[in-house]
Amino acid sequence: MDHGRFLVISIGTGSAKVEQKYNAKMAAKWGVLGWLIHGGSTPLVDVFTQASADMEDTLSGKDAPVDVSTKENLENLFEIGERLLKKPVSRVNLEMGLSEPIENSGTNEDALK
């Protein structure tokens, strides 16, 4: 399957930023049980829940609680969405676990078209 044809967009309710508990180098040494439980956390679950917050990592202050349905907050969220569309297409650096722009890939808006 041509994975380049797909763009994953996650529209969630956001979450508080979490402290870095592990990195790719550590995880590379884990077996099945390590992914299920590690240091009192559940890495496999963390990966899925954190993925939805990656594009929303700039939300802070009054913009962070995206479940508040006031007119002002919904307008702010619309503007945040517009700004996200203008950001460059990015991919998670597996070594660092951080999102990095992909050279010559355009914006998220371009990719969605």
C-alpha atoms as a PDB file:
ATOM      1  CA  MET A   1       0.000   0.000   0.000  1.00  0.00           C
ATOM      2  CA  ASP A   2       1.337   3.455  -0.870  1.00  0.00           C
ATOM      3  CA  HIS A   3       1.570   5.088   2.573  1.00  0.00           C
ATOM      4  CA  GLY A   4       2.407   8.431   0.972  1.00  0.00           C
ATOM      5  CA  ARG A   5      -1.215   8.778  -0.134  1.00  0.00           C
ATOM      6  CA  PHE A   6      -2.469   9.056   3.437  1.00  0.00           C
ATOM      7  CA  LEU A   7      -2.473  12.004   5.794  1.00  0.00           C
ATOM      8  CA  VAL A   8      -3.494  11.363   9.384  1.00  0.00           C
ATOM      9  CA  ILE A   9      -5.264  14.227  11.074  1.00  0.00           C
ATOM     10  CA  SER A  10      -6.389  13.930  14.654  1.00  0.00           C
ATOM     11  CA  ILE A  11      -9.020  16.254  16.005  1.00  0.00           C
ATOM     12  CA  GLY A  12      -9.290  15.568  19.701  1.00  0.00           C
ATOM     13  CA  THR A  13      -9.967  17.452  22.881  1.00  0.00           C
ATOM     14  CA  GLY A  14      -6.280  17.929  23.632  1.00  0.00           C
ATOM     15  CA  SER A  15      -4.491  17.051  26.813  1.00  0.00           C
ATOM     16  CA  ALA A  16      -1.954  18.437  29.193  1.00  0.00           C
ATOM     17  CA  LYS A  17       1.657  18.034  28.120  1.00  0.00           C
ATOM     18  CA  VAL A  18       3.224  14.982  29.673  1.00  0.00           C
ATOM     19  CA  GLU A  19       6.685  14.608  31.019  1.00  0.00           C
ATOM     20  CA  GLN A  20       8.983  12.522  28.820  1.00  0.00           C
ATOM     21  CA  LYS A  21       9.070   9.098  30.484  1.00  0.00           C
ATOM     22  CA  TYR A  22      10.940   7.163  27.806  1.00  0.00           C
ATOM     23  CA  ASN A  23      12.434   7.545  24.367  1.00  0.00           C
ATOM     24  CA  ALA A  24      12.897   5.461  21.231  1.00  0.00           C
ATOM     25  CA  LYS A  25      16.309   4.200  22.350  1.00  0.00           C
ATOM     26  CA  MET A  26      14.846   2.842  25.600  1.00  0.00           C
ATOM     27  CA  ALA A  27      11.759   1.390  23.917  1.00  0.00           C
ATOM     28  CA  ALA A  28      13.866  -0.458  21.338  1.00  0.00           C
ATOM     29  CA  LYS A  29      15.019  -2.789  24.141  1.00  0.00           C
ATOM     30  CA  TRP A  30      11.541  -3.622  25.431  1.00  0.00           C
ATOM     31  CA  GLY A  31       9.711  -6.848  24.812  1.00  0.00           C
ATOM     32  CA  VAL A  32       5.934  -7.247  24.762  1.00  0.00           C
ATOM     33  CA  LEU A  33       5.639  -6.808  28.535  1.00  0.00           C
ATOM     34  CA  GLY A  34       7.750  -3.646  28.452  1.00  0.00           C
ATOM     35  CA  TRP A  35       5.234  -2.038  26.098  1.00  0.00           C
ATOM     36  CA  LEU A  36       2.367  -3.023  28.378  1.00  0.00           C
ATOM     37  CA  ILE A  37       3.913  -1.725  31.603  1.00  0.00           C
ATOM     38  CA  HIS A  38       7.095   0.230  32.241  1.00  0.00           C
ATOM     39  CA  GLY A  39       8.009   2.208  35.332  1.00  0.00           C
ATOM     40  CA  GLY A  40       4.427   2.402  36.569  1.00  0.00           C
ATOM     41  CA  SER A  41       3.042   3.585  33.222  1.00  0.00           C
ATOM     42  CA  THR A  42       1.520   1.900  30.183  1.00  0.00           C
ATOM     43  CA  PRO A  43       3.636   2.921  27.165  1.00  0.00           C
ATOM     44  CA  LEU A  44       1.381   1.348  24.552  1.00  0.00           C
ATOM     45  CA  VAL A  45      -1.642   3.268  25.841  1.00  0.00           C
ATOM     46  CA  ASP A  46       0.452   6.441  26.238  1.00  0.00           C
ATOM     47  CA  VAL A  47       1.516   6.265  22.588  1.00  0.00           C
ATOM     48  CA  PHE A  48      -2.070   6.121  21.367  1.00  0.00           C
ATOM     49  CA  THR A  49      -3.356   8.853  23.665  1.00  0.00           C
ATOM     50  CA  GLN A  50      -0.380  11.155  23.140  1.00  0.00           C
ATOM     51  CA  ALA A  51      -0.583  10.865  19.354  1.00  0.00           C
ATOM     52  CA  SER A  52      -3.876  12.755  19.321  1.00  0.00           C
ATOM     53  CA  ALA A  53      -2.301  15.647  21.199  1.00  0.00           C
ATOM     54  CA  ASP A  54       0.793  16.012  19.012  1.00  0.00           C
ATOM     55  CA  MET A  55      -0.691  18.570  16.628  1.00  0.00           C
ATOM     56  CA  GLU A  56      -2.300  20.424  19.523  1.00  0.00           C
ATOM     57  CA  ASP A  57       0.938  20.779  21.485  1.00  0.00           C
ATOM     58  CA  THR A  58       0.848  24.568  21.214  1.00  0.00           C
ATOM     59  CA  LEU A  59      -2.460  24.924  23.055  1.00  0.00           C
ATOM     60  CA  SER A  60      -2.036  26.665  26.386  1.00  0.00           C
ATOM     61  CA  GLY A  61      -3.877  28.909  28.785  1.00  0.00           C
ATOM     62  CA  LYS A  62      -7.522  29.522  27.939  1.00  0.00           C
ATOM     63  CA  ASP A  63      -7.179  27.670  24.599  1.00  0.00           C
ATOM     64  CA  ALA A  64      -6.140  24.378  26.199  1.00  0.00           C
ATOM     65  CA  PRO A  65      -9.556  23.281  27.545  1.00  0.00           C
ATOM     66  CA  VAL A  66     -11.058  22.623  24.119  1.00  0.00           C
ATOM     67  CA  ASP A  67     -14.199  21.105  25.587  1.00  0.00           C
ATOM     68  CA  VAL A  68     -15.476  24.560  26.617  1.00  0.00           C
ATOM     69  CA  SER A  69     -18.201  25.385  24.104  1.00  0.00           C
ATOM     70  CA  THR A  70     -18.485  29.140  24.518  1.00  0.00           C
ATOM     71  CA  LYS A  71     -18.733  31.213  21.343  1.00  0.00           C
ATOM     72  CA  GLU A  72     -15.349  32.834  22.092  1.00  0.00           C
ATOM     73  CA  ASN A  73     -13.608  29.506  22.662  1.00  0.00           C
ATOM     74  CA  LEU A  74     -15.073  27.945  19.514  1.00  0.00           C
ATOM     75  CA  GLU A  75     -13.902  30.945  17.485  1.00  0.00           C
ATOM     76  CA  ASN A  76     -10.430  30.597  19.056  1.00  0.00           C
ATOM     77  CA  LEU A  77     -10.360  26.897  18.160  1.00  0.00           C
ATOM     78  CA  PHE A  78     -11.333  27.732  14.588  1.00  0.00           C
ATOM     79  CA  GLU A  79      -8.398  30.164  14.381  1.00  0.00           C
ATOM     80  CA  ILE A  80      -6.070  27.554  15.894  1.00  0.00           C
ATOM     81  CA  GLY A  81      -7.224  25.086  13.225  1.00  0.00           C
ATOM     82  CA  GLU A  82      -6.532  27.652  10.511  1.00  0.00           C
ATOM     83  CA  ARG A  83      -2.995  28.156  11.874  1.00  0.00           C
ATOM     84  CA  LEU A  84      -2.417  24.384  12.007  1.00  0.00           C
ATOM     85  CA  LEU A  85      -3.327  24.160   8.327  1.00  0.00           C
ATOM     86  CA  LYS A  86      -0.608  26.706   7.533  1.00  0.00           C
ATOM     87  CA  LYS A  87       2.086  24.737   9.391  1.00  0.00           C
ATOM     88  CA  PRO A  88       4.484  22.577   7.384  1.00  0.00           C
ATOM     89  CA  VAL A  89       3.753  18.867   7.023  1.00  0.00           C
ATOM     90  CA  SER A  90       5.720  17.083   9.727  1.00  0.00           C
ATOM     91  CA  ARG A  91       6.677  13.597  10.823  1.00  0.00           C
ATOM     92  CA  VAL A  92       7.741  12.220  14.191  1.00  0.00           C
ATOM     93  CA  ASN A  93      11.498  11.759  14.487  1.00  0.00           C
ATOM     94  CA  LEU A  94      11.689   8.220  15.879  1.00  0.00           C
ATOM     95  CA  GLU A  95      15.006   8.900  17.611  1.00  0.00           C
ATOM     96  CA  MET A  96      13.757  11.927  19.534  1.00  0.00           C
ATOM     97  CA  GLY A  97      10.009  11.289  19.581  1.00  0.00           C
ATOM     98  CA  LEU A  98       9.408  14.869  18.417  1.00  0.00           C
ATOM     99  CA  SER A  99       7.623  16.196  15.369  1.00  0.00           C
ATOM    100  CA  GLU A 100       9.842  17.694  12.637  1.00  0.00           C
ATOM    101  CA  PRO A 101       8.887  19.423   9.368  1.00  0.00           C
ATOM    102  CA  ILE A 102       9.403  17.395   6.175  1.00  0.00           C
ATOM    103  CA  GLU A 103      11.415  19.365   3.618  1.00  0.00           C
ATOM    104  CA  ASN A 104       9.587  20.362   0.419  1.00  0.00           C
ATOM    105  CA  SER A 105       6.289  18.829   1.582  1.00  0.00           C
ATOM    106  CA  GLY A 106       4.275  22.017   1.768  1.00  0.00           C
ATOM    107  CA  THR A 107       1.709  22.792   4.417  1.00  0.00           C
ATOM    108  CA  ASN A 108      -0.909  20.608   6.097  1.00  0.00           C
ATOM    109  CA  GLU A 109      -3.466  22.410   3.946  1.00  0.00           C
ATOM    110  CA  ASP A 110      -1.575  21.450   0.768  1.00  0.00           C
ATOM    111  CA  ALA A 111      -1.401  17.824   1.900  1.00  0.00           C
ATOM    112  CA  LEU A 112      -5.132  17.696   2.611  1.00  0.00           C
ATOM    113  CA  LYS A 113      -5.949  18.953  -0.902  1.00  0.00           C
END
